[in-house]
PDB file of N, CA and C in Angstrom:
ATOM      1  N   MET A   1       0.858  -1.173   0.000  1.00  0.00           N
ATOM      2  CA  MET A   1       0.000   0.000   0.000  1.00  0.00           C
ATOM      3  C   MET A   1       0.905   1.237   0.000  1.00  0.00           C
ATOM      4  N   ASN A   2       0.686   2.110  -0.948  1.00  0.00           N
ATOM      5  CA  ASN A   2       1.532   3.292  -1.012  1.00  0.00           C
ATOM      6  C   ASN A   2       0.897   4.455  -0.238  1.00  0.00           C
ATOM      7  N   LEU A   3       1.567   5.569  -0.259  1.00  0.00           N
ATOM      8  CA  LEU A   3       1.162   6.725   0.539  1.00  0.00           C
ATOM      9  C   LEU A   3      -0.189   7.289   0.101  1.00  0.00           C
ATOM     10  N   VAL A   4      -0.455   7.312  -1.193  1.00  0.00           N
ATOM     11  CA  VAL A   4      -1.700   7.891  -1.708  1.00  0.00           C
ATOM     12  C   VAL A   4      -2.901   7.053  -1.305  1.00  0.00           C
ATOM     13  N   VAL A   5      -2.767   5.753  -1.376  1.00  0.00           N
ATOM     14  CA  VAL A   5      -3.869   4.870  -0.965  1.00  0.00           C
ATOM     15  C   VAL A   5      -4.107   4.992   0.538  1.00  0.00           C
ATOM     16  N   GLY A   6      -3.040   5.108   1.304  1.00  0.00           N
ATOM     17  CA  GLY A   6      -3.186   5.317   2.744  1.00  0.00           C
ATOM     18  C   GLY A   6      -3.875   6.640   3.055  1.00  0.00           C
ATOM     19  N   ALA A   7      -3.545   7.675   2.295  1.00  0.00           N
ATOM     20  CA  ALA A   7      -4.212   8.969   2.485  1.00  0.00           C
ATOM     21  C   ALA A   7      -5.691   8.880   2.114  1.00  0.00           C
ATOM     22  N   ALA A   8      -6.007   8.105   1.076  1.00  0.00           N
ATOM     23  CA  ALA A   8      -7.407   7.922   0.693  1.00  0.00           C
ATOM     24  C   ALA A   8      -8.189   7.241   1.813  1.00  0.00           C
ATOM     25  N   TRP A   9      -7.593   6.220   2.423  1.00  0.00           N
ATOM     26  CA  TRP A   9      -8.244   5.563   3.562  1.00  0.00           C
ATOM     27  C   TRP A   9      -8.383   6.527   4.730  1.00  0.00           C
ATOM     28  N   GLY A  10      -7.384   7.391   4.905  1.00  0.00           N
ATOM     29  CA  GLY A  10      -7.456   8.393   5.975  1.00  0.00           C
ATOM     30  C   GLY A  10      -8.597   9.372   5.757  1.00  0.00           C
ATOM     31  N   PHE A  11      -8.785   9.813   4.512  1.00  0.00           N
ATOM     32  CA  PHE A  11      -9.903  10.706   4.215  1.00  0.00           C
ATOM     33  C   PHE A  11     -11.245  10.014   4.425  1.00  0.00           C
ATOM     34  N   ALA A  12     -11.333   8.741   4.061  1.00  0.00           N
ATOM     35  CA  ALA A  12     -12.583   8.007   4.260  1.00  0.00           C
ATOM     36  C   ALA A  12     -12.892   7.858   5.749  1.00  0.00           C
ATOM     37  N   ALA A  13     -11.877   7.528   6.534  1.00  0.00           N
ATOM     38  CA  ALA A  13     -12.081   7.409   7.979  1.00  0.00           C
ATOM     39  C   ALA A  13     -12.428   8.763   8.597  1.00  0.00           C
ATOM     40  N   ALA A  14     -11.771   9.819   8.115  1.00  0.00           N
ATOM     41  CA  ALA A  14     -12.076  11.161   8.616  1.00  0.00           C
ATOM     42  C   ALA A  14     -13.503  11.565   8.254  1.00  0.00           C
ATOM     43  N   GLY A  15     -13.981  11.129   7.094  1.00  0.00           N
ATOM     44  CA  GLY A  15     -15.365  11.416   6.711  1.00  0.00           C
ATOM     45  C   GLY A  15     -16.359  10.796   7.667  1.00  0.00           C
ATOM     46  N   ILE A  16     -16.095   9.571   8.074  1.00  0.00           N
ATOM     47  CA  ILE A  16     -16.996   8.902   9.009  1.00  0.00           C
ATOM     48  C   ILE A  16     -16.952   9.573  10.377  1.00  0.00           C
ATOM     49  N   VAL A  17     -15.746   9.839  10.862  1.00  0.00           N
ATOM     50  CA  VAL A  17     -15.598  10.432  12.197  1.00  0.00           C
ATOM     51  C   VAL A  17     -16.159  11.849  12.230  1.00  0.00           C
ATOM     52  N   LEU A  18     -15.806  12.664  11.238  1.00  0.00           N
ATOM     53  CA  LEU A  18     -16.285  14.045  11.228  1.00  0.00           C
ATOM     54  C   LEU A  18     -17.777  14.139  10.923  1.00  0.00           C
ATOM     55  N   GLY A  19     -18.297  13.204  10.140  1.00  0.00           N
ATOM     56  CA  GLY A  19     -19.742  13.182   9.903  1.00  0.00           C
ATOM     57  C   GLY A  19     -20.499  12.877  11.185  1.00  0.00           C
ATOM     58  N   ALA A  20     -20.028  11.890  11.929  1.00  0.00           N
ATOM     59  CA  ALA A  20     -20.661  11.573  13.215  1.00  0.00           C
ATOM     60  C   ALA A  20     -20.497  12.726  14.194  1.00  0.00           C
ATOM     61  N   GLY A  21     -19.328  13.339  14.197  1.00  0.00           N
ATOM     62  CA  GLY A  21     -19.113  14.496  15.074  1.00  0.00           C
ATOM     63  C   GLY A  21     -19.986  15.674  14.707  1.00  0.00           C
ATOM     64  N   SER A  22     -20.236  15.871  13.414  1.00  0.00           N
ATOM     65  CA  SER A  22     -21.105  16.969  12.976  1.00  0.00           C
ATOM     66  C   SER A  22     -22.538  16.764  13.441  1.00  0.00           C
ATOM     67  N   VAL A  23     -23.001  15.522  13.399  1.00  0.00           N
ATOM     68  CA  VAL A  23     -24.359  15.245  13.880  1.00  0.00           C
ATOM     69  C   VAL A  23     -24.456  15.518  15.379  1.00  0.00           C
ATOM     70  N   ILE A  24     -23.430  15.115  16.116  1.00  0.00           N
ATOM     71  CA  ILE A  24     -23.458  15.301  17.567  1.00  0.00           C
ATOM     72  C   ILE A  24     -23.370  16.779  17.933  1.00  0.00           C
ATOM     73  N   VAL A  25     -22.475  17.513  17.278  1.00  0.00           N
ATOM     74  CA  VAL A  25     -22.250  18.912  17.641  1.00  0.00           C
ATOM     75  C   VAL A  25     -23.347  19.826  17.107  1.00  0.00           C
ATOM     76  N   PHE A  26     -23.632  19.733  15.804  1.00  0.00           N
ATOM     77  CA  PHE A  26     -24.562  20.676  15.185  1.00  0.00           C
ATOM     78  C   PHE A  26     -26.006  20.198  15.182  1.00  0.00           C
ATOM     79  N   ARG A  27     -26.216  18.910  15.365  1.00  0.00           N
ATOM     80  CA  ARG A  27     -27.554  18.306  15.332  1.00  0.00           C
ATOM     81  C   ARG A  27     -28.282  18.597  14.018  1.00  0.00           C
ATOM     82  N   ARG A  28     -27.497  18.622  12.950  1.00  0.00           N
ATOM     83  CA  ARG A  28     -28.049  18.844  11.614  1.00  0.00           C
ATOM     84  C   ARG A  28     -27.511  17.754  10.690  1.00  0.00           C
ATOM     85  N   PRO A  29     -28.335  16.797  10.322  1.00  0.00           N
ATOM     86  CA  PRO A  29     -27.854  15.686   9.498  1.00  0.00           C
ATOM     87  C   PRO A  29     -27.385  16.124   8.108  1.00  0.00           C
ATOM     88  N   LEU A  30     -27.946  17.207   7.572  1.00  0.00           N
ATOM     89  CA  LEU A  30     -27.534  17.655   6.250  1.00  0.00           C
ATOM     90  C   LEU A  30     -26.076  18.113   6.263  1.00  0.00           C
ATOM     91  N   VAL A  31     -25.686  18.821   7.298  1.00  0.00           N
ATOM     92  CA  VAL A  31     -24.288  19.256   7.422  1.00  0.00           C
ATOM     93  C   VAL A  31     -23.375  18.047   7.520  1.00  0.00           C
ATOM     94  N   ALA A  32     -23.758  17.073   8.326  1.00  0.00           N
ATOM     95  CA  ALA A  32     -22.945  15.867   8.489  1.00  0.00           C
ATOM     96  C   ALA A  32     -22.843  15.093   7.175  1.00  0.00           C
ATOM     97  N   LEU A  33     -23.949  15.002   6.461  1.00  0.00           N
ATOM     98  CA  LEU A  33     -23.935  14.273   5.195  1.00  0.00           C
ATOM     99  C   LEU A  33     -23.046  14.975   4.180  1.00  0.00           C
ATOM    100  N   ARG A  34     -23.099  16.289   4.144  1.00  0.00           N
ATOM    101  CA  ARG A  34     -22.236  17.025   3.216  1.00  0.00           C
ATOM    102  C   ARG A  34     -20.764  16.850   3.564  1.00  0.00           C
ATOM    103  N   VAL A  35     -20.445  16.889   4.844  1.00  0.00           N
ATOM    104  CA  VAL A  35     -19.053  16.687   5.268  1.00  0.00           C
ATOM    105  C   VAL A  35     -18.585  15.298   4.851  1.00  0.00           C
ATOM    106  N   MET A  36     -19.402  14.296   5.109  1.00  0.00           N
ATOM    107  CA  MET A  36     -19.032  12.932   4.754  1.00  0.00           C
ATOM    108  C   MET A  36     -18.862  12.767   3.255  1.00  0.00           C
ATOM    109  N   LEU A  37     -19.791  13.294   2.480  1.00  0.00           N
ATOM    110  CA  LEU A  37     -19.710  13.125   1.031  1.00  0.00           C
ATOM    111  C   LEU A  37     -18.517  13.867   0.443  1.00  0.00           C
ATOM    112  N   GLU A  38     -18.192  15.032   0.973  1.00  0.00           N
ATOM    113  CA  GLU A  38     -17.021  15.760   0.475  1.00  0.00           C
ATOM    114  C   GLU A  38     -15.734  14.983   0.758  1.00  0.00           C
ATOM    115  N   LEU A  39     -15.607  14.439   1.952  1.00  0.00           N
ATOM    116  CA  LEU A  39     -14.405  13.687   2.279  1.00  0.00           C
ATOM    117  C   LEU A  39     -14.353  12.347   1.538  1.00  0.00           C
ATOM    118  N   PHE A  40     -15.500  11.715   1.314  1.00  0.00           N
ATOM    119  CA  PHE A  40     -15.520  10.497   0.514  1.00  0.00           C
ATOM    120  C   PHE A  40     -15.132  10.794  -0.937  1.00  0.00           C
ATOM    121  N   THR A  41     -15.563  11.946  -1.449  1.00  0.00           N
ATOM    122  CA  THR A  41     -15.176  12.338  -2.803  1.00  0.00           C
ATOM    123  C   THR A  41     -13.674  12.565  -2.886  1.00  0.00           C
ATOM    124  N   ALA A  42     -13.114  13.231  -1.870  1.00  0.00           N
ATOM    125  CA  ALA A  42     -11.663  13.433  -1.845  1.00  0.00           C
ATOM    126  C   ALA A  42     -10.933  12.092  -1.799  1.00  0.00           C
ATOM    127  N   ALA A  43     -11.445  11.161  -1.010  1.00  0.00           N
ATOM    128  CA  ALA A  43     -10.828   9.839  -0.937  1.00  0.00           C
ATOM    129  C   ALA A  43     -10.926   9.111  -2.278  1.00  0.00           C
ATOM    130  N   GLY A  44     -12.054   9.223  -2.925  1.00  0.00           N
ATOM    131  CA  GLY A  44     -12.225   8.579  -4.225  1.00  0.00           C
ATOM    132  C   GLY A  44     -11.311   9.160  -5.284  1.00  0.00           C
ATOM    133  N   LEU A  45     -11.148  10.477  -5.272  1.00  0.00           N
ATOM    134  CA  LEU A  45     -10.264  11.091  -6.258  1.00  0.00           C
ATOM    135  C   LEU A  45      -8.797  10.774  -5.976  1.00  0.00           C
ATOM    136  N   LEU A  46      -8.422  10.693  -4.711  1.00  0.00           N
ATOM    137  CA  LEU A  46      -7.059  10.267  -4.383  1.00  0.00           C
ATOM    138  C   LEU A  46      -6.815   8.831  -4.837  1.00  0.00           C
ATOM    139  N   ARG A  47      -7.785   8.001  -4.598  1.00  0.00           N
ATOM    140  CA  ARG A  47      -7.675   6.601  -5.012  1.00  0.00           C
ATOM    141  C   ARG A  47      -7.580   6.501  -6.536  1.00  0.00           C
ATOM    142  N   LEU A  48      -8.324   7.379  -7.220  1.00  0.00           N
ATOM    143  CA  LEU A  48      -8.291   7.397  -8.684  1.00  0.00           C
ATOM    144  C   LEU A  48      -6.911   7.804  -9.191  1.00  0.00           C
ATOM    145  N   SER A  49      -6.258   8.726  -8.487  1.00  0.00           N
ATOM    146  CA  SER A  49      -4.922   9.140  -8.927  1.00  0.00           C
ATOM    147  C   SER A  49      -3.882   8.044  -8.728  1.00  0.00           C
ATOM    148  N   ALA A  50      -4.117   7.146  -7.804  1.00  0.00           N
ATOM    149  CA  ALA A  50      -3.161   6.062  -7.546  1.00  0.00           C
ATOM    150  C   ALA A  50      -3.391   4.858  -8.453  1.00  0.00           C
ATOM    151  N   ASP A  51      -4.648   4.583  -8.754  1.00  0.00           N
ATOM    152  CA  ASP A  51      -4.979   3.382  -9.516  1.00  0.00           C
ATOM    153  C   ASP A  51      -5.946   3.765 -10.624  1.00  0.00           C
ATOM    154  N   VAL A  52      -5.433   3.970 -11.813  1.00  0.00           N
ATOM    155  CA  VAL A  52      -6.282   4.361 -12.936  1.00  0.00           C
ATOM    156  C   VAL A  52      -6.761   3.094 -13.639  1.00  0.00           C
ATOM    157  N   SER A  53      -7.949   2.647 -13.250  1.00  0.00           N
ATOM    158  CA  SER A  53      -8.593   1.514 -13.910  1.00  0.00           C
ATOM    159  C   SER A  53     -10.056   1.887 -14.121  1.00  0.00           C
ATOM    160  N   TRP A  54     -10.726   1.142 -14.942  1.00  0.00           N
ATOM    161  CA  TRP A  54     -12.120   1.466 -15.235  1.00  0.00           C
ATOM    162  C   TRP A  54     -13.011   1.314 -14.009  1.00  0.00           C
ATOM    163  N   GLU A  55     -12.677   0.374 -13.124  1.00  0.00           N
ATOM    164  CA  GLU A  55     -13.458   0.207 -11.902  1.00  0.00           C
ATOM    165  C   GLU A  55     -13.323   1.430 -10.996  1.00  0.00           C
ATOM    166  N   THR A  56     -12.116   1.957 -10.895  1.00  0.00           N
ATOM    167  CA  THR A  56     -11.890   3.126 -10.058  1.00  0.00           C
ATOM    168  C   THR A  56     -12.547   4.357 -10.654  1.00  0.00           C
ATOM    169  N   ILE A  57     -12.471   4.500 -11.974  1.00  0.00           N
ATOM    170  CA  ILE A  57     -13.129   5.625 -12.642  1.00  0.00           C
ATOM    171  C   ILE A  57     -14.637   5.545 -12.444  1.00  0.00           C
ATOM    172  N   ALA A  58     -15.200   4.349 -12.582  1.00  0.00           N
ATOM    173  CA  ALA A  58     -16.648   4.175 -12.389  1.00  0.00           C
ATOM    174  C   ALA A  58     -17.042   4.463 -10.946  1.00  0.00           C
ATOM    175  N   ALA A  59     -16.233   4.031  -9.997  1.00  0.00           N
ATOM    176  CA  ALA A  59     -16.543   4.279  -8.587  1.00  0.00           C
ATOM    177  C   ALA A  59     -16.485   5.768  -8.263  1.00  0.00           C
ATOM    178  N   ALA A  60     -15.480   6.470  -8.774  1.00  0.00           N
ATOM    179  CA  ALA A  60     -15.376   7.914  -8.524  1.00  0.00           C
ATOM    180  C   ALA A  60     -16.534   8.668  -9.189  1.00  0.00           C
ATOM    181  N   GLY A  61     -16.886   8.266 -10.396  1.00  0.00           N
ATOM    182  CA  GLY A  61     -18.015   8.899 -11.083  1.00  0.00           C
ATOM    183  C   GLY A  61     -19.337   8.658 -10.366  1.00  0.00           C
ATOM    184  N   ALA A  62     -19.529   7.437  -9.888  1.00  0.00           N
ATOM    185  CA  ALA A  62     -20.755   7.123  -9.154  1.00  0.00           C
ATOM    186  C   ALA A  62     -20.819   7.896  -7.842  1.00  0.00           C
ATOM    187  N   LEU A  63     -19.700   8.014  -7.181  1.00  0.00           N
ATOM    188  CA  LEU A  63     -19.657   8.765  -5.922  1.00  0.00           C
ATOM    189  C   LEU A  63     -19.986  10.241  -6.145  1.00  0.00           C
ATOM    190  N   ILE A  64     -19.451  10.825  -7.186  1.00  0.00           N
ATOM    191  CA  ILE A  64     -19.733  12.228  -7.488  1.00  0.00           C
ATOM    192  C   ILE A  64     -21.198  12.401  -7.875  1.00  0.00           C
ATOM    193  N   ALA A  65     -21.754  11.469  -8.642  1.00  0.00           N
ATOM    194  CA  ALA A  65     -23.167  11.547  -9.019  1.00  0.00           C
ATOM    195  C   ALA A  65     -24.073  11.438  -7.795  1.00  0.00           C
ATOM    196  N   VAL A  66     -23.767  10.508  -6.900  1.00  0.00           N
ATOM    197  CA  VAL A  66     -24.558  10.366  -5.674  1.00  0.00           C
ATOM    198  C   VAL A  66     -24.459  11.631  -4.834  1.00  0.00           C
ATOM    199  N   ARG A  67     -23.264  12.190  -4.737  1.00  0.00           N
ATOM    200  CA  ARG A  67     -23.064  13.423  -3.962  1.00  0.00           C
ATOM    201  C   ARG A  67     -23.917  14.560  -4.522  1.00  0.00           C
ATOM    202  N   GLN A  68     -23.935  14.704  -5.826  1.00  0.00           N
ATOM    203  CA  GLN A  68     -24.716  15.768  -6.446  1.00  0.00           C
ATOM    204  C   GLN A  68     -26.218  15.566  -6.221  1.00  0.00           C
ATOM    205  N   VAL A  69     -26.685  14.348  -6.411  1.00  0.00           N
ATOM    206  CA  VAL A  69     -28.119  14.072  -6.253  1.00  0.00           C
ATOM    207  C   VAL A  69     -28.556  14.270  -4.807  1.00  0.00           C
ATOM    208  N   VAL A  70     -27.789  13.745  -3.871  1.00  0.00           N
ATOM    209  CA  VAL A  70     -28.172  13.831  -2.460  1.00  0.00           C
ATOM    210  C   VAL A  70     -28.168  15.272  -1.975  1.00  0.00           C
ATOM    211  N   THR A  71     -27.120  16.015  -2.277  1.00  0.00           N
ATOM    212  CA  THR A  71     -27.055  17.389  -1.771  1.00  0.00           C
ATOM    213  C   THR A  71     -28.100  18.277  -2.417  1.00  0.00           C
ATOM    214  N   ARG A  72     -28.363  18.099  -3.691  1.00  0.00           N
ATOM    215  CA  ARG A  72     -29.403  18.921  -4.337  1.00  0.00           C
ATOM    216  C   ARG A  72     -30.798  18.551  -3.858  1.00  0.00           C
ATOM    217  N   THR A  73     -31.046  17.274  -3.657  1.00  0.00           N
ATOM    218  CA  THR A  73     -32.361  16.849  -3.183  1.00  0.00           C
ATOM    219  C   THR A  73     -32.608  17.346  -1.768  1.00  0.00           C
ATOM    220  N   LEU A  74     -31.643  17.178  -0.899  1.00  0.00           N
ATOM    221  CA  LEU A  74     -31.828  17.629   0.477  1.00  0.00           C
ATOM    222  C   LEU A  74     -31.896  19.147   0.577  1.00  0.00           C
ATOM    223  N   ALA A  75     -31.125  19.850  -0.223  1.00  0.00           N
ATOM    224  CA  ALA A  75     -31.181  21.310  -0.215  1.00  0.00           C
ATOM    225  C   ALA A  75     -32.534  21.786  -0.737  1.00  0.00           C
ATOM    226  N   ALA A  76     -33.082  21.110  -1.733  1.00  0.00           N
ATOM    227  CA  ALA A  76     -34.397  21.482  -2.249  1.00  0.00           C
ATOM    228  C   ALA A  76     -35.480  21.201  -1.212  1.00  0.00           C
ATOM    229  N   ASP A  77     -35.341  20.108  -0.472  1.00  0.00           N
ATOM    230  CA  ASP A  77     -36.315  19.793   0.569  1.00  0.00           C
ATOM    231  C   ASP A  77     -36.284  20.824   1.691  1.00  0.00           C
ATOM    232  N   LEU A  78     -35.093  21.324   1.998  1.00  0.00           N
ATOM    233  CA  LEU A  78     -34.995  22.326   3.065  1.00  0.00           C
ATOM    234  C   LEU A  78     -35.512  23.683   2.624  1.00  0.00           C
ATOM    235  N   ARG A  79     -35.442  23.979   1.333  1.00  0.00           N
ATOM    236  CA  ARG A  79     -35.932  25.265   0.848  1.00  0.00           C
ATOM    237  C   ARG A  79     -37.442  25.297   0.677  1.00  0.00           C
ATOM    238  N   SER A  80     -38.064  24.137   0.504  1.00  0.00           N
ATOM    239  CA  SER A  80     -39.505  24.110   0.301  1.00  0.00           C
ATOM    240  C   SER A  80     -40.218  24.437   1.611  1.00  0.00           C
ATOM    241  N   PRO A  81     -41.313  25.191   1.536  1.00  0.00           N
ATOM    242  CA  PRO A  81     -42.019  25.555   2.774  1.00  0.00           C
ATOM    243  C   PRO A  81     -42.719  24.344   3.379  1.00  0.00           C
ATOM    244  N   THR A  82     -42.736  24.305   4.676  1.00  0.00           N
ATOM    245  CA  THR A  82     -43.448  23.237   5.366  1.00  0.00           C
ATOM    246  C   THR A  82     -44.936  23.526   5.314  1.00  0.00           C
ATOM    247  N   PRO A  83     -45.780  22.541   5.482  1.00  0.00           N
ATOM    248  CA  PRO A  83     -47.215  22.803   5.467  1.00  0.00           C
ATOM    249  C   PRO A  83     -47.638  23.787   6.558  1.00  0.00           C
ATOM    250  N   ALA A  84     -47.009  23.706   7.720  1.00  0.00           N
ATOM    251  CA  ALA A  84     -47.364  24.645   8.784  1.00  0.00           C
ATOM    252  C   ALA A  84     -46.932  26.050   8.411  1.00  0.00           C
ATOM    253  N   GLY A  85     -45.759  26.183   7.807  1.00  0.00           N
ATOM    254  CA  GLY A  85     -45.286  27.491   7.384  1.00  0.00           C
ATOM    255  C   GLY A  85     -46.143  28.066   6.276  1.00  0.00           C
ATOM    256  N   ALA A  86     -46.576  27.219   5.352  1.00  0.00           N
ATOM    257  CA  ALA A  86     -47.438  27.692   4.271  1.00  0.00           C
ATOM    258  C   ALA A  86     -48.792  28.104   4.821  1.00  0.00           C
ATOM    259  N   LEU A  87     -49.309  27.373   5.790  1.00  0.00           N
ATOM    260  CA  LEU A  87     -50.581  27.718   6.388  1.00  0.00           C
ATOM    261  C   LEU A  87     -50.487  29.042   7.142  1.00  0.00           C
ATOM    262  N   PHE A  88     -49.400  29.238   7.858  1.00  0.00           N
ATOM    263  CA  PHE A  88     -49.208  30.471   8.605  1.00  0.00           C
ATOM    264  C   PHE A  88     -49.097  31.656   7.654  1.00  0.00           C
ATOM    265  N   ARG A  89     -48.374  31.497   6.560  1.00  0.00           N
ATOM    266  CA  ARG A  89     -48.221  32.597   5.614  1.00  0.00           C
ATOM    267  C   ARG A  89     -49.532  32.921   4.921  1.00  0.00           C
ATOM    268  N   SER A  90     -50.394  31.946   4.706  1.00  0.00           N
ATOM    269  CA  SER A  90     -51.643  32.240   4.029  1.00  0.00           C
ATOM    270  C   SER A  90     -52.623  32.974   4.936  1.00  0.00           C
ATOM    271  N   ARG A  91     -52.477  32.834   6.245  1.00  0.00           N
ATOM    272  CA  ARG A  91     -53.377  33.519   7.169  1.00  0.00           C
ATOM    273  C   ARG A  91     -52.955  34.956   7.444  1.00  0.00           C
ATOM    274  N   VAL A  92     -51.690  35.247   7.325  1.00  0.00           N
ATOM    275  CA  VAL A  92     -51.193  36.580   7.635  1.00  0.00           C
ATOM    276  C   VAL A  92     -51.420  37.472   6.434  1.00  0.00           C
ATOM    277  N   ARG A  93     -52.118  38.586   6.648  1.00  0.00           N
ATOM    278  CA  ARG A  93     -52.369  39.565   5.579  1.00  0.00           C
ATOM    279  C   ARG A  93     -51.665  40.848   5.929  1.00  0.00           C
ATOM    280  N   TRP A  94     -50.841  41.320   5.060  1.00  0.00           N
ATOM    281  CA  TRP A  94     -50.126  42.573   5.313  1.00  0.00           C
ATOM    282  C   TRP A  94     -50.710  43.684   4.491  1.00  0.00           C
TER     283      TRP A  94
END
C-alpha cells in the first residue's frame, strides 16, 4: 500500500468520524452528510490518482453523481415551505 492509498483511507475514515461528530455537535444531518460526502469524494479522487482503472473511474463517477443528487435533493427539501409554514403565511395579511 503506497502513501496515496493510505491517504485515501485516511480521508474516508475522517469522513466517518467528522460526519458523526457533525451530527453530535450541530444536530443537523444535512451538514454531516455534506461533510461525509465531500471527504468520501476526496478519498475517491485520491484513489483514482493512484490506480487508474475502469473500476476506479466508475466508482469515482458514481460517488460524485450520488453526492450531487443527495445534496441537491436535500437542499431542495430544506428550501420548500413546510405545510405549517405555508398555512401560517396564508393567514397573515399585510
